[in-house]
Amino acid sequence: MVEEKVIIKNLNRIFKQRIEKDIIEAKEFYPFANSEAQRLAVKYNKTVLQTSSIISALSPLNKWSANINLADRYLSGKRRNLHVQSQILKCDQLINVNCPNEAIKILNGLKTSNFFYNIYNPKDRNYITLDRWMVKIITNSDVIKITPAQYRKYKEIFARYAIRKRIHPVILQSLLWITIRRINKTKEIEVPF
C-alpha cells in the first residue's frame, strides 16, 4: 500500500496542474450526471435512485460519454449487446430498487457503489469514486486494481486531502479526473503513466 505522504505528493502533482476550465467543469460534473439521471427517470417513469444505479452499473469498462447512452438504451428495452451479462443482470435488479442500501448491495463493488452515490446525491461527502484514473494518480503507477482495504484507506486519505484543500471531496475527485484527462490528451509526454 502506498504511504499517505506519497499519496499527498501524487495528488498535489495533478492538483497543481488544474486550470480554471477544469474547476468549472468539475463543479458541474456530478450535478449534470444527477440531472441526466433525473431526465431518464422522467422519460421512463423510474426513480432517480433506479436510474443513477443503472448508470453506475453500466460504467465499468466504458467511457463516461457512453454511460448515459447505455442507460437510455437499457431503459428503453434495447439490451442486446449492451454490456457484459453480469452488469445487465445487476440492472435487471436495480430497475426495482427502493433504497440506496439496496442498490449498493446489488452493485457489490466499491467503485460502482461510490459512483452511484455520487450521481444520486452529489452533495454527500461520504462517497468518493476511486476509478482507474484516481488509482493511477494516487499510486503514480499503472496499477488500476486495488483491494477493498486499499480502497477504504485511499478514500480516507483523499477525504482528508479534500478538507486540507477546502474543497468538497466529490468535486475534488471530479477535478482531478478532468485535469488528468486533459493532461493525458494534450501533454502525453508529461504524464507519469
Foldseek 3Di string as FASTA:
>chain_A
DDDLVLLLVLLVVLVVQFDPVLLVCLVCPLVVLLVLLVVLCVVLVADSLLLLLLLLLLPPPDDNVCSSVLSSCVSVPNPPPSHPPLSNVLSVVSRPDDDLVVSCVSSVDLQSSLSSCCNNPVQDLPGEHCAQLNVCSSVVDNDGDDDPVVVVVSSVSLSVSCVVVVHRSSSSNSSSVSSLVVCCVPPVVPRSD
